[in-house]
Amino acid sequence: MNTCPDKLEIAAYYDGELAADRAQAMRAHLAECQACRAELDGLGLVSESLASVKAPLSQISLYRLHRRVQDAMEQNLLHMVRRVCAAAAAVLLASSLWLISQPRRESPAAPPWTDASMATSSISADVHSPAGAWYLGDLRASEADARSADVKNVSD
């Protein structure tokens, strides 16, 4: 190799993560380059010193560490929720203001393509399912009851 590999590639070599051809090239480079051999030796020393540490965390320390991580994650989640809510409120406000600024239009009583009798009829005679017939049957009965009550009130 003409140039030295970066430290991540040396660390990957140390961990045995390089492909066979790349590892062979790294071995050839390490035979020639004193600086890269020193980097590799430094990784070995760090690895040995970390492996020699035998002080496990107590249950309380593990709980505190877990709690701090969880609190940090919840804080980030709350910030994200606040941002999303603020964006939704801004969209709602902008669309409301736009709707208010639009001129009001009077809607016609019935569209021009419908017959006037269809517009005043509240129940269609076309029923295509048993559930529709049952529902419309109840509506027709309640309309008939309302008409008979109106007739009775008029006659009294």
N, C-alpha and C. Protein backbone atom coordinates (compact mmCIF):
# COMPACT_ATOMS: atom_id res chain seq x y z
N MET A 1 0.83 -1.19 0.00
CA MET A 1 0.00 0.00 0.00
C MET A 1 0.87 1.24 0.00
N ASN A 2 0.46 2.22 -0.73
CA ASN A 2 1.22 3.45 -0.78
C ASN A 2 0.85 4.38 0.36
N THR A 3 -0.43 4.41 0.73
CA THR A 3 -0.88 5.29 1.81
C THR A 3 -1.36 4.43 2.97
N CYS A 4 -1.32 5.01 4.13
CA CYS A 4 -1.76 4.28 5.32
C CYS A 4 -3.28 4.20 5.36
N PRO A 5 -3.81 3.07 5.81
CA PRO A 5 -5.26 2.96 5.96
C PRO A 5 -5.72 3.79 7.15
N ASP A 6 -7.03 4.09 7.19
CA ASP A 6 -7.53 4.87 8.32
C ASP A 6 -7.63 3.99 9.56
N LYS A 7 -7.86 4.63 10.70
CA LYS A 7 -7.85 3.91 11.98
C LYS A 7 -8.99 2.90 12.07
N LEU A 8 -10.14 3.20 11.42
CA LEU A 8 -11.25 2.26 11.46
C LEU A 8 -10.91 0.97 10.73
N GLU A 9 -10.15 1.08 9.65
CA GLU A 9 -9.76 -0.12 8.92
C GLU A 9 -8.74 -0.94 9.72
N ILE A 10 -7.85 -0.26 10.43
CA ILE A 10 -6.90 -0.98 11.29
C ILE A 10 -7.65 -1.68 12.42
N ALA A 11 -8.65 -1.00 12.98
CA ALA A 11 -9.46 -1.61 14.04
C ALA A 11 -10.24 -2.81 13.49
N ALA A 12 -10.75 -2.70 12.28
CA ALA A 12 -11.46 -3.82 11.66
C ALA A 12 -10.51 -5.00 11.45
N TYR A 13 -9.26 -4.71 11.08
CA TYR A 13 -8.26 -5.77 10.93
C TYR A 13 -8.00 -6.44 12.28
N TYR A 14 -7.86 -5.61 13.33
CA TYR A 14 -7.60 -6.15 14.66
C TYR A 14 -8.75 -7.07 15.11
N ASP A 15 -9.98 -6.67 14.78
CA ASP A 15 -11.15 -7.46 15.18
C ASP A 15 -11.41 -8.64 14.26
N GLY A 16 -10.65 -8.75 13.15
CA GLY A 16 -10.85 -9.87 12.23
C GLY A 16 -12.06 -9.67 11.33
N GLU A 17 -12.42 -8.42 11.03
CA GLU A 17 -13.62 -8.14 10.25
C GLU A 17 -13.33 -7.86 8.77
N LEU A 18 -12.08 -7.83 8.38
CA LEU A 18 -11.74 -7.55 6.99
C LEU A 18 -11.86 -8.81 6.14
N ALA A 19 -12.16 -8.62 4.84
CA ALA A 19 -12.18 -9.73 3.90
C ALA A 19 -10.76 -10.27 3.75
N ALA A 20 -10.63 -11.50 3.27
CA ALA A 20 -9.33 -12.17 3.21
C ALA A 20 -8.32 -11.40 2.36
N ASP A 21 -8.73 -10.90 1.20
CA ASP A 21 -7.78 -10.18 0.35
C ASP A 21 -7.36 -8.85 0.99
N ARG A 22 -8.30 -8.18 1.63
CA ARG A 22 -7.99 -6.91 2.28
C ARG A 22 -7.11 -7.14 3.51
N ALA A 23 -7.35 -8.25 4.24
CA ALA A 23 -6.53 -8.58 5.41
C ALA A 23 -5.10 -8.89 4.98
N GLN A 24 -4.94 -9.59 3.84
CA GLN A 24 -3.59 -9.88 3.33
C GLN A 24 -2.85 -8.60 2.98
N ALA A 25 -3.56 -7.66 2.34
CA ALA A 25 -2.94 -6.37 1.99
C ALA A 25 -2.57 -5.60 3.26
N MET A 26 -3.40 -5.70 4.29
CA MET A 26 -3.13 -5.01 5.55
C MET A 26 -1.89 -5.60 6.22
N ARG A 27 -1.74 -6.94 6.19
CA ARG A 27 -0.56 -7.58 6.78
C ARG A 27 0.71 -7.10 6.06
N ALA A 28 0.63 -7.00 4.75
CA ALA A 28 1.80 -6.54 3.99
C ALA A 28 2.13 -5.09 4.35
N HIS A 29 1.12 -4.27 4.53
CA HIS A 29 1.36 -2.87 4.89
C HIS A 29 1.93 -2.76 6.30
N LEU A 30 1.40 -3.56 7.23
CA LEU A 30 1.89 -3.50 8.61
C LEU A 30 3.35 -3.94 8.71
N ALA A 31 3.78 -4.82 7.81
CA ALA A 31 5.18 -5.25 7.81
C ALA A 31 6.10 -4.10 7.44
N GLU A 32 5.60 -3.14 6.67
CA GLU A 32 6.43 -2.03 6.20
C GLU A 32 6.26 -0.74 7.00
N CYS A 33 5.06 -0.55 7.63
CA CYS A 33 4.73 0.76 8.22
C CYS A 33 4.79 0.70 9.75
N GLN A 34 5.72 1.44 10.31
CA GLN A 34 5.88 1.49 11.77
C GLN A 34 4.70 2.19 12.44
N ALA A 35 4.16 3.25 11.85
CA ALA A 35 3.06 4.01 12.47
C ALA A 35 1.80 3.15 12.57
N CYS A 36 1.51 2.38 11.55
CA CYS A 36 0.31 1.53 11.58
C CYS A 36 0.50 0.37 12.56
N ARG A 37 1.75 -0.16 12.67
CA ARG A 37 2.00 -1.21 13.66
C ARG A 37 1.80 -0.65 15.07
N ALA A 38 2.21 0.60 15.30
CA ALA A 38 2.03 1.23 16.61
C ALA A 38 0.53 1.41 16.91
N GLU A 39 -0.23 1.78 15.90
CA GLU A 39 -1.69 1.92 16.08
C GLU A 39 -2.30 0.57 16.44
N LEU A 40 -1.88 -0.49 15.75
CA LEU A 40 -2.40 -1.83 16.02
C LEU A 40 -2.01 -2.29 17.43
N ASP A 41 -0.79 -2.00 17.83
CA ASP A 41 -0.35 -2.35 19.19
C ASP A 41 -1.14 -1.57 20.23
N GLY A 42 -1.45 -0.30 19.94
CA GLY A 42 -2.26 0.50 20.86
C GLY A 42 -3.66 -0.08 21.02
N LEU A 43 -4.23 -0.57 19.94
CA LEU A 43 -5.54 -1.22 20.04
C LEU A 43 -5.47 -2.47 20.91
N GLY A 44 -4.38 -3.20 20.77
CA GLY A 44 -4.20 -4.39 21.60
C GLY A 44 -4.11 -4.04 23.07
N LEU A 45 -3.39 -2.97 23.40
CA LEU A 45 -3.26 -2.55 24.81
C LEU A 45 -4.61 -2.11 25.38
N VAL A 46 -5.36 -1.34 24.60
CA VAL A 46 -6.68 -0.89 25.06
C VAL A 46 -7.59 -2.08 25.28
N SER A 47 -7.56 -3.02 24.36
CA SER A 47 -8.41 -4.20 24.47
C SER A 47 -8.05 -5.02 25.70
N GLU A 48 -6.75 -5.20 25.96
CA GLU A 48 -6.32 -5.96 27.14
C GLU A 48 -6.71 -5.25 28.43
N SER A 49 -6.56 -3.92 28.46
CA SER A 49 -6.89 -3.21 29.69
C SER A 49 -8.39 -3.24 29.96
N LEU A 50 -9.20 -3.16 28.91
CA LEU A 50 -10.65 -3.26 29.13
C LEU A 50 -11.07 -4.66 29.55
N ALA A 51 -10.39 -5.66 29.03
CA ALA A 51 -10.72 -7.05 29.39
C ALA A 51 -10.32 -7.35 30.82
N SER A 52 -9.32 -6.65 31.35
CA SER A 52 -8.86 -6.92 32.72
C SER A 52 -9.76 -6.29 33.78
N VAL A 53 -10.64 -5.39 33.41
CA VAL A 53 -11.53 -4.75 34.38
C VAL A 53 -12.59 -5.76 34.81
N LYS A 54 -12.67 -6.01 36.10
CA LYS A 54 -13.61 -7.00 36.63
C LYS A 54 -14.65 -6.37 37.55
N ALA A 55 -14.85 -5.07 37.47
CA ALA A 55 -15.78 -4.40 38.36
C ALA A 55 -17.14 -4.27 37.67
N PRO A 56 -18.03 -5.23 37.90
CA PRO A 56 -19.36 -5.11 37.29
C PRO A 56 -20.17 -4.02 38.00
N LEU A 57 -21.14 -3.51 37.31
CA LEU A 57 -22.00 -2.49 37.90
C LEU A 57 -22.97 -3.14 38.89
N SER A 58 -23.23 -2.44 39.98
CA SER A 58 -24.19 -2.95 40.94
C SER A 58 -25.60 -2.80 40.38
N GLN A 59 -26.55 -3.41 41.03
CA GLN A 59 -27.94 -3.31 40.58
C GLN A 59 -28.43 -1.86 40.62
N ILE A 60 -28.02 -1.14 41.63
CA ILE A 60 -28.42 0.26 41.75
C ILE A 60 -27.82 1.09 40.62
N SER A 61 -26.53 0.84 40.32
CA SER A 61 -25.89 1.58 39.23
C SER A 61 -26.53 1.25 37.89
N LEU A 62 -26.86 -0.02 37.68
CA LEU A 62 -27.54 -0.41 36.45
C LEU A 62 -28.90 0.26 36.34
N TYR A 63 -29.63 0.32 37.46
CA TYR A 63 -30.94 0.97 37.47
C TYR A 63 -30.80 2.45 37.14
N ARG A 64 -29.82 3.12 37.77
CA ARG A 64 -29.62 4.55 37.51
C ARG A 64 -29.24 4.80 36.05
N LEU A 65 -28.36 3.97 35.51
CA LEU A 65 -27.96 4.12 34.11
C LEU A 65 -29.17 3.91 33.19
N HIS A 66 -29.93 2.87 33.46
CA HIS A 66 -31.12 2.60 32.65
C HIS A 66 -32.11 3.76 32.74
N ARG A 67 -32.30 4.28 33.94
CA ARG A 67 -33.24 5.39 34.15
C ARG A 67 -32.79 6.64 33.39
N ARG A 68 -31.50 6.94 33.40
CA ARG A 68 -30.99 8.11 32.68
C ARG A 68 -31.19 7.98 31.18
N VAL A 69 -30.92 6.80 30.66
CA VAL A 69 -31.12 6.56 29.23
C VAL A 69 -32.60 6.69 28.88
N GLN A 70 -33.46 6.10 29.72
CA GLN A 70 -34.89 6.17 29.47
C GLN A 70 -35.40 7.62 29.56
N ASP A 71 -34.93 8.37 30.53
CA ASP A 71 -35.34 9.78 30.65
C ASP A 71 -34.91 10.59 29.43
N ALA A 72 -33.70 10.34 28.96
CA ALA A 72 -33.22 11.06 27.78
C ALA A 72 -34.08 10.72 26.56
N MET A 73 -34.43 9.44 26.41
CA MET A 73 -35.27 9.04 25.27
C MET A 73 -36.66 9.66 25.38
N GLU A 74 -37.24 9.68 26.58
CA GLU A 74 -38.56 10.28 26.77
C GLU A 74 -38.52 11.78 26.48
N GLN A 75 -37.45 12.44 26.89
CA GLN A 75 -37.31 13.88 26.65
C GLN A 75 -37.28 14.16 25.15
N ASN A 76 -36.53 13.34 24.40
CA ASN A 76 -36.49 13.50 22.95
C ASN A 76 -37.86 13.24 22.32
N LEU A 77 -38.57 12.25 22.85
CA LEU A 77 -39.90 11.94 22.34
C LEU A 77 -40.86 13.10 22.62
N LEU A 78 -40.77 13.69 23.80
CA LEU A 78 -41.64 14.82 24.13
C LEU A 78 -41.37 16.01 23.22
N HIS A 79 -40.11 16.26 22.92
CA HIS A 79 -39.77 17.36 22.00
C HIS A 79 -40.38 17.10 20.63
N MET A 80 -40.29 15.86 20.17
CA MET A 80 -40.84 15.53 18.86
C MET A 80 -42.36 15.68 18.86
N VAL A 81 -43.03 15.21 19.92
CA VAL A 81 -44.48 15.33 19.99
C VAL A 81 -44.90 16.79 20.02
N ARG A 82 -44.17 17.61 20.76
CA ARG A 82 -44.49 19.04 20.81
C ARG A 82 -44.35 19.68 19.43
N ARG A 83 -43.31 19.31 18.71
CA ARG A 83 -43.11 19.87 17.37
C ARG A 83 -44.23 19.45 16.42
N VAL A 84 -44.61 18.19 16.48
CA VAL A 84 -45.68 17.70 15.61
C VAL A 84 -47.01 18.37 15.95
N CYS A 85 -47.29 18.52 17.24
CA CYS A 85 -48.53 19.20 17.65
C CYS A 85 -48.53 20.66 17.22
N ALA A 86 -47.39 21.31 17.33
CA ALA A 86 -47.31 22.71 16.90
C ALA A 86 -47.53 22.82 15.40
N ALA A 87 -46.97 21.90 14.64
CA ALA A 87 -47.17 21.92 13.19
C ALA A 87 -48.63 21.67 12.84
N ALA A 88 -49.27 20.72 13.53
CA ALA A 88 -50.68 20.43 13.28
C ALA A 88 -51.55 21.64 13.64
N ALA A 89 -51.24 22.30 14.73
CA ALA A 89 -52.01 23.49 15.12
C ALA A 89 -51.83 24.61 14.10
N ALA A 90 -50.62 24.76 13.58
CA ALA A 90 -50.38 25.80 12.58
C ALA A 90 -51.15 25.52 11.30
N VAL A 91 -51.19 24.25 10.88
CA VAL A 91 -51.96 23.88 9.69
C VAL A 91 -53.44 24.11 9.92
N LEU A 92 -53.94 23.74 11.09
CA LEU A 92 -55.35 23.95 11.41
C LEU A 92 -55.69 25.43 11.43
N LEU A 93 -54.85 26.23 12.02
CA LEU A 93 -55.09 27.67 12.07
C LEU A 93 -55.07 28.29 10.68
N ALA A 94 -54.08 27.92 9.89
CA ALA A 94 -53.98 28.47 8.53
C ALA A 94 -55.17 28.07 7.68
N SER A 95 -55.58 26.81 7.76
CA SER A 95 -56.73 26.38 6.96
C SER A 95 -58.02 27.02 7.46
N SER A 96 -58.16 27.22 8.76
CA SER A 96 -59.34 27.90 9.28
C SER A 96 -59.40 29.34 8.80
N LEU A 97 -58.27 30.03 8.85
CA LEU A 97 -58.23 31.41 8.37
C LEU A 97 -58.54 31.48 6.88
N TRP A 98 -58.04 30.52 6.12
CA TRP A 98 -58.33 30.50 4.69
C TRP A 98 -59.82 30.28 4.44
N LEU A 99 -60.43 29.34 5.19
CA LEU A 99 -61.87 29.09 5.03
C LEU A 99 -62.70 30.31 5.42
N ILE A 100 -62.29 31.00 6.46
CA ILE A 100 -63.03 32.19 6.89
C ILE A 100 -62.92 33.30 5.85
N SER A 101 -61.77 33.39 5.19
CA SER A 101 -61.58 34.46 4.22
C SER A 101 -62.31 34.23 2.90
N GLN A 102 -62.79 33.02 2.67
CA GLN A 102 -63.49 32.73 1.42
C GLN A 102 -64.89 33.36 1.45
N PRO A 103 -65.35 33.90 0.30
CA PRO A 103 -66.69 34.49 0.27
C PRO A 103 -67.75 33.38 0.45
N ARG A 104 -68.81 33.75 1.12
CA ARG A 104 -69.88 32.78 1.36
C ARG A 104 -70.74 32.64 0.11
N ARG A 105 -71.11 31.43 -0.17
CA ARG A 105 -71.96 31.16 -1.32
C ARG A 105 -73.23 30.51 -0.83
N GLU A 106 -74.32 30.97 -1.36
CA GLU A 106 -75.61 30.36 -1.02
C GLU A 106 -75.76 29.08 -1.81
N SER A 107 -76.09 28.01 -1.13
CA SER A 107 -76.27 26.74 -1.84
C SER A 107 -77.71 26.66 -2.33
N PRO A 108 -77.90 26.13 -3.53
CA PRO A 108 -79.26 26.01 -4.06
C PRO A 108 -80.04 24.98 -3.27
N ALA A 109 -81.36 25.10 -3.30
CA ALA A 109 -82.21 24.18 -2.55
C ALA A 109 -82.04 22.76 -3.07
N ALA A 110 -81.96 22.59 -4.38
CA ALA A 110 -81.77 21.27 -4.96
C ALA A 110 -80.89 21.45 -6.20
N PRO A 111 -80.07 20.48 -6.49
CA PRO A 111 -79.25 20.59 -7.70
C PRO A 111 -80.16 20.63 -8.93
N PRO A 112 -79.74 21.30 -9.98
CA PRO A 112 -80.60 21.46 -11.16
C PRO A 112 -80.92 20.16 -11.86
N TRP A 113 -80.16 19.12 -11.68
CA TRP A 113 -80.42 17.87 -12.39
C TRP A 113 -81.40 16.96 -11.66
N THR A 114 -81.87 17.36 -10.46
CA THR A 114 -82.83 16.52 -9.73
C THR A 114 -84.23 17.07 -9.88
N ASP A 115 -85.15 16.19 -9.74
CA ASP A 115 -86.56 16.55 -9.77
C ASP A 115 -86.93 17.12 -8.40
N ALA A 116 -87.85 18.05 -8.35
CA ALA A 116 -88.23 18.67 -7.08
C ALA A 116 -88.83 17.65 -6.13
N SER A 117 -89.56 16.67 -6.65
CA SER A 117 -90.14 15.66 -5.77
C SER A 117 -89.06 14.79 -5.14
N MET A 118 -87.94 14.59 -5.86
CA MET A 118 -86.84 13.81 -5.29
C MET A 118 -86.15 14.59 -4.19
N ALA A 119 -86.06 15.88 -4.33
CA ALA A 119 -85.38 16.70 -3.34
C ALA A 119 -86.16 16.77 -2.04
N THR A 120 -87.47 16.72 -2.12
CA THR A 120 -88.28 16.80 -0.91
C THR A 120 -88.52 15.44 -0.28
N SER A 121 -88.35 14.38 -1.03
CA SER A 121 -88.56 13.05 -0.49
C SER A 121 -87.38 12.67 0.39
N SER A 122 -87.64 12.27 1.62
CA SER A 122 -86.56 11.93 2.52
C SER A 122 -86.18 10.47 2.44
N ILE A 123 -87.06 9.63 1.90
CA ILE A 123 -86.79 8.20 1.84
C ILE A 123 -86.90 7.76 0.39
N SER A 124 -85.86 7.10 -0.09
CA SER A 124 -85.87 6.58 -1.45
C SER A 124 -86.62 5.27 -1.49
N ALA A 125 -87.30 5.03 -2.60
CA ALA A 125 -88.04 3.79 -2.74
C ALA A 125 -87.12 2.64 -3.13
N ASP A 126 -85.92 2.91 -3.60
CA ASP A 126 -84.99 1.86 -4.01
C ASP A 126 -84.27 1.32 -2.79
N VAL A 127 -84.53 0.05 -2.49
CA VAL A 127 -83.86 -0.62 -1.39
C VAL A 127 -83.21 -1.86 -1.98
N HIS A 128 -81.91 -2.00 -1.78
CA HIS A 128 -81.17 -3.09 -2.41
C HIS A 128 -80.69 -4.15 -1.43
N SER A 129 -81.01 -4.06 -0.17
CA SER A 129 -80.55 -5.07 0.78
C SER A 129 -81.60 -5.23 1.87
N PRO A 130 -81.61 -6.39 2.53
CA PRO A 130 -82.56 -6.60 3.64
C PRO A 130 -82.35 -5.60 4.78
N ALA A 131 -81.09 -5.28 5.04
CA ALA A 131 -80.82 -4.32 6.12
C ALA A 131 -81.38 -2.95 5.75
N GLY A 132 -81.23 -2.55 4.47
CA GLY A 132 -81.78 -1.28 4.02
C GLY A 132 -83.29 -1.26 4.12
N ALA A 133 -83.93 -2.38 3.74
CA ALA A 133 -85.39 -2.46 3.84
C ALA A 133 -85.84 -2.35 5.29
N TRP A 134 -85.13 -3.00 6.19
CA TRP A 134 -85.49 -2.93 7.61
C TRP A 134 -85.33 -1.51 8.13
N TYR A 135 -84.19 -0.89 7.80
CA TYR A 135 -83.94 0.47 8.27
C TYR A 135 -84.96 1.45 7.69
N LEU A 136 -85.18 1.38 6.38
CA LEU A 136 -86.12 2.29 5.76
C LEU A 136 -87.54 2.00 6.21
N GLY A 137 -87.84 0.73 6.52
CA GLY A 137 -89.17 0.41 7.05
C GLY A 137 -89.41 1.11 8.37
N ASP A 138 -88.40 1.14 9.23
CA ASP A 138 -88.53 1.85 10.50
C ASP A 138 -88.69 3.35 10.27
N LEU A 139 -87.96 3.91 9.31
CA LEU A 139 -88.09 5.34 9.03
C LEU A 139 -89.48 5.67 8.48
N ARG A 140 -89.98 4.79 7.59
CA ARG A 140 -91.31 5.04 7.03
C ARG A 140 -92.37 4.97 8.12
N ALA A 141 -92.21 4.02 9.05
CA ALA A 141 -93.18 3.90 10.14
C ALA A 141 -93.14 5.13 11.03
N SER A 142 -91.92 5.63 11.32
CA SER A 142 -91.83 6.81 12.18
C SER A 142 -92.37 8.04 11.46
N GLU A 143 -92.18 8.15 10.13
CA GLU A 143 -92.76 9.27 9.38
C GLU A 143 -94.29 9.18 9.36
N ALA A 144 -94.81 7.96 9.22
CA ALA A 144 -96.27 7.78 9.23
C ALA A 144 -96.84 8.16 10.59
N ASP A 145 -96.14 7.77 11.66
CA ASP A 145 -96.59 8.14 13.01
C ASP A 145 -96.56 9.66 13.19
N ALA A 146 -95.53 10.31 12.66
CA ALA A 146 -95.43 11.76 12.78
C ALA A 146 -96.55 12.44 12.00
N ARG A 147 -96.89 11.91 10.80
CA ARG A 147 -97.99 12.51 10.01
C ARG A 147 -99.33 12.34 10.72
N SER A 148 -99.56 11.15 11.29
CA SER A 148 -100.84 10.94 11.98
C SER A 148 -100.94 11.82 13.22
N ALA A 149 -99.79 12.07 13.88
CA ALA A 149 -99.80 12.96 15.04
C ALA A 149 -100.08 14.39 14.59
N ASP A 150 -99.54 14.80 13.43
CA ASP A 150 -99.80 16.13 12.90
C ASP A 150 -101.27 16.28 12.54
N VAL A 151 -101.82 15.25 11.91
CA VAL A 151 -103.24 15.29 11.54
C VAL A 151 -104.10 15.37 12.78
N LYS A 152 -103.73 14.61 13.81
CA LYS A 152 -104.50 14.59 15.04
C LYS A 152 -104.43 15.96 15.72
N ASN A 153 -103.24 16.62 15.72
CA ASN A 153 -103.08 17.94 16.32
C ASN A 153 -103.88 18.99 15.56
N VAL A 154 -103.95 18.86 14.25
CA VAL A 154 -104.69 19.83 13.44
C VAL A 154 -106.19 19.68 13.70
N SER A 155 -106.66 18.44 13.85
CA SER A 155 -108.09 18.22 14.05
C SER A 155 -108.54 18.63 15.44
N ASP A 156 -107.63 18.64 16.40
CA ASP A 156 -108.03 19.02 17.78
C ASP A 156 -108.20 20.43 17.90
